[in-house]
Amino acid sequence: MFQLTALYNHPEDPAAFDKHYDEVHAPLAKKLPGLQRFTVSRPAPGPDGAKPAYHLVAVLEFADAAAFQAGMAGAEGQAAVADMENFAGAGVTMLTGQSEQV
């Protein structure tokens, strides 16, 4: 599997971020050709009540790097990337690479 992990920083307006992510961005991402699995996590505070490092973590899985590249290069991938400026103003870290079940 090949994986894209998106780590979204805490937005200024969490409710507006979540609304846009859930209603606009996630549906765009779900249309990526070759996408096999898409999960989203909204981390909870730590056991000591500490604020989590990220507001939202998204993991998108593809069969391999070629499928990922093809999905991101198409119109659907370009639309999802272009939408980032509409809600991710606080910043996002993107990590990509092979993944394996252990």
Protein backbone atom coordinates (compact mmCIF):
# COMPACT_ATOMS: atom_id res chain seq x y z
CA MET A 1 0.00 0.00 0.00
CA PHE A 2 0.99 3.61 -0.51
CA GLN A 3 -0.26 6.14 1.98
CA LEU A 4 -0.83 9.90 2.18
CA THR A 5 -1.17 11.20 5.74
CA ALA A 6 -2.39 14.79 6.20
CA LEU A 7 -1.81 16.36 9.62
CA TYR A 8 -3.93 19.50 9.98
CA ASN A 9 -2.92 22.15 12.51
CA HIS A 10 -5.50 23.64 14.84
CA PRO A 11 -7.60 26.17 12.91
CA GLU A 12 -8.67 29.54 14.23
CA ASP A 13 -12.33 28.53 13.79
CA PRO A 14 -12.64 24.75 14.38
CA ALA A 15 -16.37 24.66 13.59
CA ALA A 16 -15.89 26.34 10.19
CA PHE A 17 -12.92 24.06 9.43
CA ASP A 18 -14.89 20.91 10.30
CA LYS A 19 -17.92 22.01 8.28
CA HIS A 20 -15.83 22.71 5.18
CA TYR A 21 -13.77 19.54 5.60
CA ASP A 22 -16.80 17.30 6.07
CA GLU A 23 -19.06 18.91 3.46
CA VAL A 24 -16.59 19.93 0.74
CA HIS A 25 -13.06 18.58 1.09
CA ALA A 26 -13.74 14.98 2.15
CA PRO A 27 -16.22 14.46 -0.72
CA LEU A 28 -13.59 15.79 -3.15
CA ALA A 29 -10.94 13.46 -1.72
CA LYS A 30 -13.28 10.47 -1.89
CA LYS A 31 -13.45 10.94 -5.67
CA LEU A 32 -9.70 10.39 -6.17
CA PRO A 33 -9.18 7.64 -8.74
CA GLY A 34 -7.46 4.63 -7.20
CA LEU A 35 -8.31 5.57 -3.62
CA GLN A 36 -8.82 2.33 -1.68
CA ARG A 37 -9.32 3.60 1.85
CA PHE A 38 -9.84 7.03 3.46
CA THR A 39 -9.97 7.54 7.23
CA VAL A 40 -10.25 10.68 9.32
CA SER A 41 -9.42 11.11 12.99
CA ARG A 42 -10.00 14.10 15.24
CA PRO A 43 -7.52 13.48 18.06
CA ALA A 44 -8.79 13.81 21.62
CA PRO A 45 -6.89 15.51 24.43
CA GLY A 46 -4.18 13.41 26.05
CA PRO A 47 -4.68 11.58 29.36
CA ASP A 48 -3.45 14.70 31.16
CA GLY A 49 -5.90 16.92 29.24
CA ALA A 50 -3.19 18.31 26.97
CA LYS A 51 -4.29 19.63 23.59
CA PRO A 52 -3.42 17.17 20.82
CA ALA A 53 -0.72 18.17 18.35
CA TYR A 54 -3.18 18.20 15.43
CA HIS A 55 -6.84 19.07 14.88
CA LEU A 56 -7.45 16.41 12.23
CA VAL A 57 -5.51 13.52 10.73
CA ALA A 58 -6.52 12.09 7.36
CA VAL A 59 -5.06 8.91 5.89
CA LEU A 60 -5.61 8.02 2.25
CA GLU A 61 -4.44 4.65 0.94
CA PHE A 62 -3.68 3.59 -2.62
CA ALA A 63 -2.46 0.29 -4.08
CA ASP A 64 0.99 1.72 -4.85
CA ALA A 65 2.92 4.91 -5.59
CA ALA A 66 1.86 4.86 -9.24
CA ALA A 67 -1.83 4.76 -8.31
CA PHE A 68 -1.28 7.63 -5.87
CA GLN A 69 0.52 9.73 -8.48
CA ALA A 70 -2.17 9.04 -11.08
CA GLY A 71 -4.96 9.93 -8.66
CA MET A 72 -3.33 13.17 -7.58
CA ALA A 73 -2.40 14.21 -11.14
CA GLY A 74 -5.97 13.98 -12.43
CA ALA A 75 -8.73 16.57 -12.25
CA GLU A 76 -10.01 15.16 -8.95
CA GLY A 77 -6.59 15.41 -7.30
CA GLN A 78 -6.07 18.94 -8.59
CA ALA A 79 -9.49 19.96 -7.23
CA ALA A 80 -8.71 18.52 -3.79
CA VAL A 81 -5.33 20.26 -3.65
CA ALA A 82 -6.84 23.58 -4.82
CA ASP A 83 -9.50 23.35 -2.10
CA MET A 84 -6.84 23.33 0.65
CA GLU A 85 -6.57 27.12 0.53
CA ASN A 86 -10.27 27.36 1.39
CA PHE A 87 -9.96 25.84 4.87
CA ALA A 88 -6.40 24.85 5.84
CA GLY A 89 -5.01 28.30 6.58
CA ALA A 90 -3.47 27.14 9.86
CA GLY A 91 -1.26 24.75 7.91
CA VAL A 92 -1.06 21.09 7.08
CA THR A 93 1.82 18.62 6.97
CA MET A 94 1.64 15.97 4.24
CA LEU A 95 3.55 12.72 4.54
CA THR A 96 3.65 10.07 1.83
CA GLY A 97 5.21 6.65 1.61
CA GLN A 98 4.82 2.92 1.59
CA SER A 99 2.76 1.48 4.41
CA GLU A 100 2.50 -2.04 5.70
CA GLN A 101 0.43 -3.83 8.26
CA VAL A 102 2.52 -5.06 11.19
